[in-house]
Protein backbone atom coordinates (compact mmCIF):
# COMPACT_ATOMS: atom_id res chain seq x y z
CA MET A 1 5.00 -64.75 -55.58
CA ALA A 2 6.85 -62.31 -58.03
CA ALA A 3 4.15 -59.84 -56.81
CA LEU A 4 5.34 -60.64 -52.99
CA LYS A 5 9.14 -60.23 -53.75
CA SER A 6 8.56 -56.64 -55.34
CA LEU A 7 6.50 -55.69 -52.07
CA GLU A 8 9.50 -56.85 -50.01
CA ILE A 9 11.93 -55.20 -52.27
CA ALA A 10 10.12 -51.95 -52.03
CA SER A 11 9.81 -52.14 -48.52
CA LEU A 12 13.43 -52.83 -47.73
CA VAL A 13 14.22 -49.78 -50.22
CA ARG A 14 12.16 -47.64 -47.91
CA ARG A 15 13.32 -48.52 -44.97
CA ALA A 16 16.89 -47.85 -45.88
CA ALA A 17 15.89 -44.66 -47.59
CA THR A 18 14.26 -43.49 -44.25
CA ALA A 19 16.97 -44.57 -41.82
CA HIS A 20 19.26 -42.56 -43.78
CA ALA A 21 17.42 -39.56 -43.94
CA LEU A 22 16.86 -39.74 -39.96
CA SER A 23 20.26 -40.43 -39.55
CA TYR A 24 22.06 -37.78 -41.88
CA PRO A 25 19.25 -34.64 -42.21
CA PHE A 26 20.69 -32.32 -45.14
CA HIS A 27 22.31 -29.12 -44.15
CA THR A 28 24.27 -26.71 -45.97
CA THR A 29 27.89 -25.51 -45.54
CA ASN A 30 30.47 -23.30 -47.11
CA ASN A 31 32.65 -25.91 -47.37
CA PHE A 32 31.94 -27.54 -50.73
CA SER A 33 30.31 -27.00 -54.14
CA CYS A 34 28.01 -29.52 -56.19
CA ARG A 35 28.10 -30.31 -59.83
CA CYS A 36 25.39 -33.24 -60.62
CA THR A 37 26.86 -35.35 -62.89
CA PHE A 38 23.85 -37.76 -63.56
CA PRO A 39 20.72 -37.90 -62.18
CA THR A 40 19.50 -40.36 -59.42
CA PRO A 41 18.03 -43.78 -60.76
CA PRO A 42 14.37 -44.11 -60.93
CA LEU A 43 12.97 -46.03 -57.60
CA THR A 44 11.55 -48.31 -60.47
CA THR A 45 15.16 -49.69 -61.78
CA SER A 46 16.04 -50.84 -58.33
CA LEU A 47 12.52 -52.49 -58.08
CA ARG A 48 13.40 -54.48 -61.21
CA THR A 49 16.61 -55.72 -59.75
CA SER A 50 17.09 -59.15 -57.66
CA VAL A 51 17.19 -59.20 -54.13
CA GLY A 52 20.75 -61.09 -54.47
CA ASN A 53 21.95 -58.05 -56.38
CA ILE A 54 20.77 -55.23 -54.71
CA ALA A 55 22.21 -56.49 -51.25
CA PRO A 56 25.57 -55.86 -51.92
CA ARG A 57 24.88 -52.84 -53.25
CA ILE A 58 22.98 -51.53 -50.11
CA CYS A 59 25.78 -53.07 -47.84
CA TYR A 60 28.77 -51.06 -49.49
CA LEU A 61 26.54 -47.94 -49.62
CA ALA A 62 26.09 -48.40 -45.57
CA GLN A 63 29.44 -48.72 -45.17
CA ALA A 64 29.96 -45.31 -47.05
CA ILE A 65 27.21 -43.58 -45.50
CA LYS A 66 27.20 -44.95 -41.80
CA GLY A 67 31.11 -45.13 -41.03
CA ASP A 68 32.07 -44.39 -37.76
CA VAL A 69 33.37 -40.85 -37.99
CA ASP A 70 35.45 -41.39 -35.14
CA VAL A 71 37.29 -44.21 -36.29
CA LEU A 72 38.27 -42.49 -39.44
CA LEU A 73 39.57 -39.58 -37.75
CA ASN A 74 41.45 -41.68 -35.30
CA GLY A 75 44.98 -40.27 -34.74
CA VAL A 76 44.16 -36.46 -36.10
CA GLY A 77 45.25 -34.53 -33.19
CA ASP A 78 44.02 -30.93 -34.45
CA LYS A 79 40.90 -29.78 -33.77
CA ASN A 80 40.37 -27.27 -36.45
CA THR A 81 41.73 -30.37 -38.80
CA ILE A 82 38.98 -32.74 -37.67
CA GLU A 83 36.24 -30.18 -37.78
CA GLU A 84 37.59 -29.68 -41.52
CA VAL A 85 37.47 -33.25 -42.22
CA LYS A 86 34.44 -33.82 -40.91
CA HIS A 87 32.73 -31.71 -43.55
CA VAL A 88 34.60 -33.46 -46.26
CA LEU A 89 33.27 -36.89 -45.03
CA GLU A 90 29.68 -35.46 -44.75
CA MET A 91 30.16 -34.28 -48.25
CA ALA A 92 31.26 -37.82 -49.36
CA ARG A 93 28.06 -39.62 -47.67
CA ARG A 94 25.96 -36.98 -49.64
CA ALA A 95 27.85 -37.96 -52.76
CA SER A 96 27.56 -41.33 -52.53
CA SER A 97 23.95 -41.34 -51.35
CA ARG A 98 22.82 -39.18 -54.30
CA ARG A 99 25.21 -40.15 -57.09
CA GLU A 100 26.62 -36.61 -57.29
CA VAL A 101 29.90 -35.43 -57.67
CA TYR A 102 31.00 -32.63 -54.99
CA HIS A 103 33.98 -30.33 -54.89
CA THR A 104 35.62 -28.99 -51.50
CA ASN A 105 37.06 -25.69 -51.39
CA PHE A 106 40.64 -25.09 -51.19
CA LEU A 107 41.98 -26.99 -48.26
CA THR A 108 45.33 -26.92 -46.49
CA PRO A 109 48.14 -29.63 -46.71
CA PRO A 110 46.95 -30.99 -43.41
CA VAL A 111 43.43 -31.01 -44.39
CA VAL A 112 44.01 -32.45 -47.79
CA LYS A 113 46.13 -35.39 -46.19
CA GLU A 114 43.74 -36.25 -43.15
CA SER A 115 40.61 -36.07 -45.35
CA MET A 116 42.39 -38.43 -48.40
CA LEU A 117 43.18 -41.03 -45.67
CA ALA A 118 40.04 -41.13 -44.18
CA LEU A 119 38.29 -41.13 -47.64
CA GLU A 120 40.05 -44.54 -48.40
CA LYS A 121 38.79 -46.14 -45.87
CA LEU A 122 34.99 -45.78 -47.05
CA ALA A 123 33.54 -48.08 -49.75
CA ASP A 124 31.96 -46.87 -53.06
CA VAL A 125 33.48 -43.49 -53.07
CA LYS A 126 36.37 -42.27 -54.76
CA ALA A 127 38.20 -39.24 -54.38
CA VAL A 128 40.52 -37.05 -56.12
CA ALA A 129 42.68 -33.97 -55.20
CA GLN A 130 43.73 -31.19 -57.36
CA GLY A 131 45.75 -28.50 -57.05
CA GLY A 132 46.68 -27.46 -60.60
CA TYR A 133 50.35 -29.20 -60.58
CA PRO A 134 51.56 -31.98 -58.76
CA GLN A 135 53.47 -29.78 -56.18
CA ALA A 136 50.41 -27.78 -55.25
CA GLU A 137 50.04 -27.28 -51.42
CA ARG A 138 46.26 -25.72 -51.39
CA CYS A 139 44.09 -28.51 -53.33
CA ARG A 140 40.09 -29.32 -53.81
CA ILE A 141 39.20 -32.51 -53.09
CA SER A 142 36.46 -34.22 -55.67
CA VAL A 143 34.38 -37.16 -54.26
CA GLY A 144 31.61 -39.19 -56.20
CA GLN A 145 31.21 -42.99 -57.08
CA PRO A 146 33.94 -44.19 -58.99
CA ASP A 147 31.72 -44.57 -62.25
CA LEU A 148 30.63 -41.00 -62.10
CA LEU A 149 34.28 -39.14 -60.82
CA ASN A 150 36.11 -38.39 -63.70
CA SER A 151 39.63 -37.76 -63.08
CA ASP A 152 40.22 -35.64 -66.07
CA GLN A 153 37.61 -33.22 -64.75
CA ASP A 154 39.32 -30.04 -63.86
CA ALA A 155 38.00 -28.57 -60.37
CA VAL A 156 40.61 -25.73 -60.62
CA ALA A 157 41.44 -23.17 -63.08
CA ALA A 158 44.54 -20.72 -63.21
CA LEU A 159 45.22 -17.03 -64.41
CA SER A 160 48.15 -15.21 -65.24
CA ILE A 161 48.50 -11.68 -63.64
CA THR A 162 50.86 -9.17 -65.09
CA GLY A 163 51.99 -5.86 -64.74
CA ASN A 164 54.67 -3.22 -64.93
CA PHE A 165 56.78 -4.25 -61.71
CA GLY A 166 60.15 -2.91 -62.67
CA PHE A 167 59.67 0.27 -60.23
CA GLN A 168 57.44 -1.69 -57.56
CA SER A 169 58.47 -5.43 -56.54
CA CYS A 170 55.12 -7.21 -55.28
CA SER A 171 55.11 -9.75 -52.64
CA HIS A 172 52.91 -13.24 -52.44
CA GLY A 173 51.12 -11.19 -49.80
CA ASP A 174 50.58 -8.46 -51.83
CA PHE A 175 49.04 -10.49 -54.97
CA LEU A 176 46.82 -12.56 -52.26
CA GLY A 177 45.61 -9.08 -50.70
CA SER A 178 44.66 -7.89 -53.93
CA ILE A 179 42.70 -10.80 -54.98
CA LEU A 180 41.08 -10.83 -51.75
CA GLY A 181 40.27 -7.13 -51.86
CA THR A 182 37.89 -8.00 -54.72
CA GLY A 183 35.84 -9.97 -52.19
CA ILE A 184 36.77 -13.45 -53.17
CA ALA A 185 36.88 -15.67 -50.13
CA ARG A 186 40.48 -17.17 -49.29
CA GLU A 187 38.84 -20.53 -49.68
CA LYS A 188 38.34 -20.06 -53.02
CA VAL A 189 41.96 -19.36 -53.76
CA GLY A 190 44.54 -22.02 -54.41
CA ASP A 191 48.45 -21.55 -54.71
CA ILE A 192 50.01 -18.36 -55.98
CA ILE A 193 52.95 -19.13 -57.96
CA MET A 194 55.10 -16.40 -57.99
CA GLN A 195 57.41 -15.39 -61.27
CA GLY A 196 59.65 -12.53 -60.28
CA LYS A 197 57.45 -9.63 -62.18
CA ALA A 198 54.05 -11.80 -62.45
CA ALA A 199 52.15 -14.41 -60.74
CA GLN A 200 50.16 -17.31 -61.65
CA VAL A 201 46.74 -17.90 -59.48
CA ILE A 202 45.28 -20.89 -58.94
CA ILE A 203 41.19 -20.40 -58.52
CA VAL A 204 37.69 -22.18 -58.32
CA PRO A 205 36.76 -21.92 -62.18
CA GLU A 206 33.28 -20.30 -61.60
CA LEU A 207 35.28 -17.15 -60.21
CA VAL A 208 37.76 -16.90 -63.48
CA ASP A 209 35.77 -14.42 -65.05
CA PHE A 210 34.86 -11.93 -61.98
CA LEU A 211 38.33 -11.99 -60.98
CA ILE A 212 39.58 -11.02 -64.75
CA SER A 213 37.07 -7.99 -64.72
CA SER A 214 37.53 -7.06 -61.03
CA LEU A 215 41.54 -7.06 -60.51
CA ASP A 216 43.17 -4.34 -62.35
CA LYS A 217 45.85 -3.17 -59.57
CA VAL A 218 48.18 -4.90 -57.51
CA GLY A 219 49.86 -2.60 -54.65
CA ARG A 220 49.85 0.42 -56.77
CA VAL A 221 50.48 -1.41 -60.37
CA PRO A 222 48.06 -1.79 -62.99
CA VAL A 223 48.03 -5.48 -63.81
CA PHE A 224 46.31 -7.47 -66.84
CA CYS A 225 44.62 -11.19 -65.77
CA ALA A 226 44.07 -13.62 -68.34
CA LYS A 227 42.98 -17.26 -68.19
CA ILE A 228 45.94 -20.04 -68.87
CA PRO A 229 45.64 -23.80 -69.25
CA LEU A 230 46.78 -25.89 -66.27
CA THR A 231 49.89 -27.28 -68.37
CA ALA A 232 51.18 -23.66 -68.87
CA LEU A 233 51.72 -23.37 -65.22
CA ASP A 234 55.41 -22.72 -64.35
CA TYR A 235 56.30 -23.70 -60.80
CA GLU A 236 59.90 -23.47 -59.04
CA PRO A 237 60.58 -23.80 -55.76
CA PRO A 238 60.69 -20.77 -53.41
CA SER A 239 63.69 -19.06 -52.49
CA THR A 240 64.80 -19.92 -49.15
CA LYS A 241 67.53 -18.71 -46.71
CA SER A 242 68.69 -20.86 -43.79
CA PHE A 243 70.27 -19.71 -40.33
CA LYS A 244 70.49 -20.80 -36.65
CA THR A 245 69.21 -19.40 -33.34
CA VAL A 246 69.55 -20.63 -29.89
CA GLU A 247 66.88 -20.82 -27.47
CA ALA A 248 66.16 -21.59 -24.36
CA SER A 249 62.81 -23.48 -25.21
CA LEU A 250 60.87 -24.65 -28.44
CA ARG A 251 58.02 -22.17 -27.95
CA VAL A 252 56.53 -20.77 -31.01
CA ASP A 253 56.90 -17.29 -29.18
CA ALA A 254 60.55 -17.61 -28.91
CA ILE A 255 61.33 -19.23 -32.05
CA ALA A 256 59.09 -17.05 -34.56
CA SER A 257 60.36 -13.91 -32.70
CA ALA A 258 63.83 -14.87 -33.43
CA GLY A 259 62.95 -16.34 -37.27
CA PHE A 260 61.04 -13.15 -38.15
CA LYS A 261 62.99 -10.71 -36.32
CA ILE A 262 60.41 -9.44 -34.32
CA SER A 263 60.04 -8.61 -30.73
CA ARG A 264 58.62 -11.45 -28.48
CA SER A 265 56.11 -8.93 -27.02
CA LYS A 266 54.95 -8.05 -30.44
CA LEU A 267 54.55 -11.63 -31.29
CA VAL A 268 52.27 -12.49 -28.61
CA ASN A 269 49.80 -9.68 -29.48
CA LEU A 270 49.95 -11.52 -33.08
CA ILE A 271 49.39 -14.53 -31.52
CA SER A 272 46.24 -12.84 -29.76
CA ASN A 273 45.03 -11.60 -32.75
CA GLY A 274 45.12 -15.22 -34.69
CA ASP A 275 47.44 -13.85 -37.02
CA VAL A 276 50.20 -16.45 -36.16
CA ARG A 277 49.53 -20.23 -37.63
CA VAL A 278 51.32 -23.58 -37.32
CA ASN A 279 50.95 -25.80 -39.95
CA TRP A 280 48.35 -23.59 -41.41
CA SER A 281 46.05 -23.79 -38.28
CA PRO A 282 45.79 -20.48 -35.92
CA VAL A 283 47.64 -21.24 -32.67
CA THR A 284 46.31 -19.46 -29.66
CA LYS A 285 48.58 -20.29 -27.20
CA ASN A 286 52.27 -18.24 -27.05
CA GLY A 287 53.76 -21.85 -25.13
CA THR A 288 52.81 -24.13 -28.26
CA THR A 289 55.95 -26.05 -28.86
CA LEU A 290 57.51 -26.52 -32.09
CA LYS A 291 59.30 -29.60 -33.75
CA THR A 292 61.30 -30.37 -37.14
CA GLY A 293 59.13 -29.95 -39.91
CA ASP A 294 56.66 -27.68 -38.63
CA ILE A 295 55.77 -24.83 -40.74
CA VAL A 296 55.24 -21.08 -38.96
CA SER A 297 53.62 -18.51 -40.58
CA VAL A 298 52.55 -14.90 -39.57
CA SER A 299 50.23 -12.70 -41.37
CA GLY A 300 52.11 -10.09 -43.38
CA LYS A 301 55.62 -11.87 -42.54
CA GLY A 302 55.72 -14.71 -44.41
CA ARG A 303 56.61 -18.09 -43.34
CA LEU A 304 59.37 -20.23 -42.05
CA GLN A 305 60.22 -24.13 -41.68
CA ILE A 306 61.67 -25.51 -38.80
CA GLY A 307 64.76 -27.49 -39.45
CA GLU A 308 67.12 -29.49 -37.55
CA ILE A 309 67.07 -28.82 -33.65
CA ASN A 310 70.03 -29.83 -31.42
CA THR A 311 70.41 -29.54 -27.54
CA THR A 312 73.32 -27.56 -26.75
CA LYS A 313 76.09 -28.45 -23.74
CA LYS A 314 74.37 -25.79 -21.69
CA GLY A 315 70.75 -27.43 -22.27
CA LYS A 316 69.62 -24.90 -24.98
CA PHE A 317 68.12 -25.38 -28.48
CA SER A 318 69.95 -24.96 -31.34
CA VAL A 319 67.20 -24.49 -33.92
CA GLU A 320 67.70 -24.31 -37.94
CA LEU A 321 65.43 -21.81 -39.34
CA ILE A 322 64.38 -22.17 -43.06
CA ARG A 323 62.63 -18.63 -44.20
CA TYR A 324 60.83 -18.65 -47.14
CA LEU A 325 61.64 -15.63 -49.34
């Protein structure tokens, strides 16, 4: 009887593994990195367990691996966000089935929010978002089975960039442009904390040494890079300037034109080139409607937030714009 029971368990495990392999063929993406924490337990270990012990484990794993993606993404409206969250969920499935810990690249706030909400619905998977400091916008998500994922593991690292900026001030865009100029992809870089004449940068740990050796200038200013502990990050809320504009509509081309002080025709060209983003997602239509709380960014111009919106007696819109300096 014992031999027969072992054969039945082995058959069950093989069928489950085959179904999983056929349903989710492995393919690589550029949205994650992998760090194996523990090897997959040998099959003989599973065979020594009883049917009563293995059945709940298989059920929980099936929920994590075969969760209905459409249900998990219900309510997410932005197509770009949906696609990125799908990559995160696929990563979570692999992390659960292979007993490994995976880390995403740095994600935008909407993707982080929707991904964490979706991952909370999966059984047998734990997720931790890290951006280096509590107010971080861009974060990496680490996923794995609860017993493998240690919340103390740092998936991010920090660098300080200093130089003699007394005669040439550099903006957030200058620092980011110089970092990307070394060949590092944007998704490998987190927040950049401006500190007057210096900056602190969050980055994936594996690129720390490369950036230290490669980044020698920001603009025309020679700089020095050094790794610092995350506890040394000195975040201060960004400076802002608020003003109001009255527009006939809440179209992005009208509002952003007023907010960034550029012509509407030039802004239309920027939209066509993919240089305008709303809530970190590129906009492709000039008539995209904005609402309170939306973040609008234009490449090379910075970003602004839509504040309070009121309707005037003439039927126009009085819009508060909060410009980040």
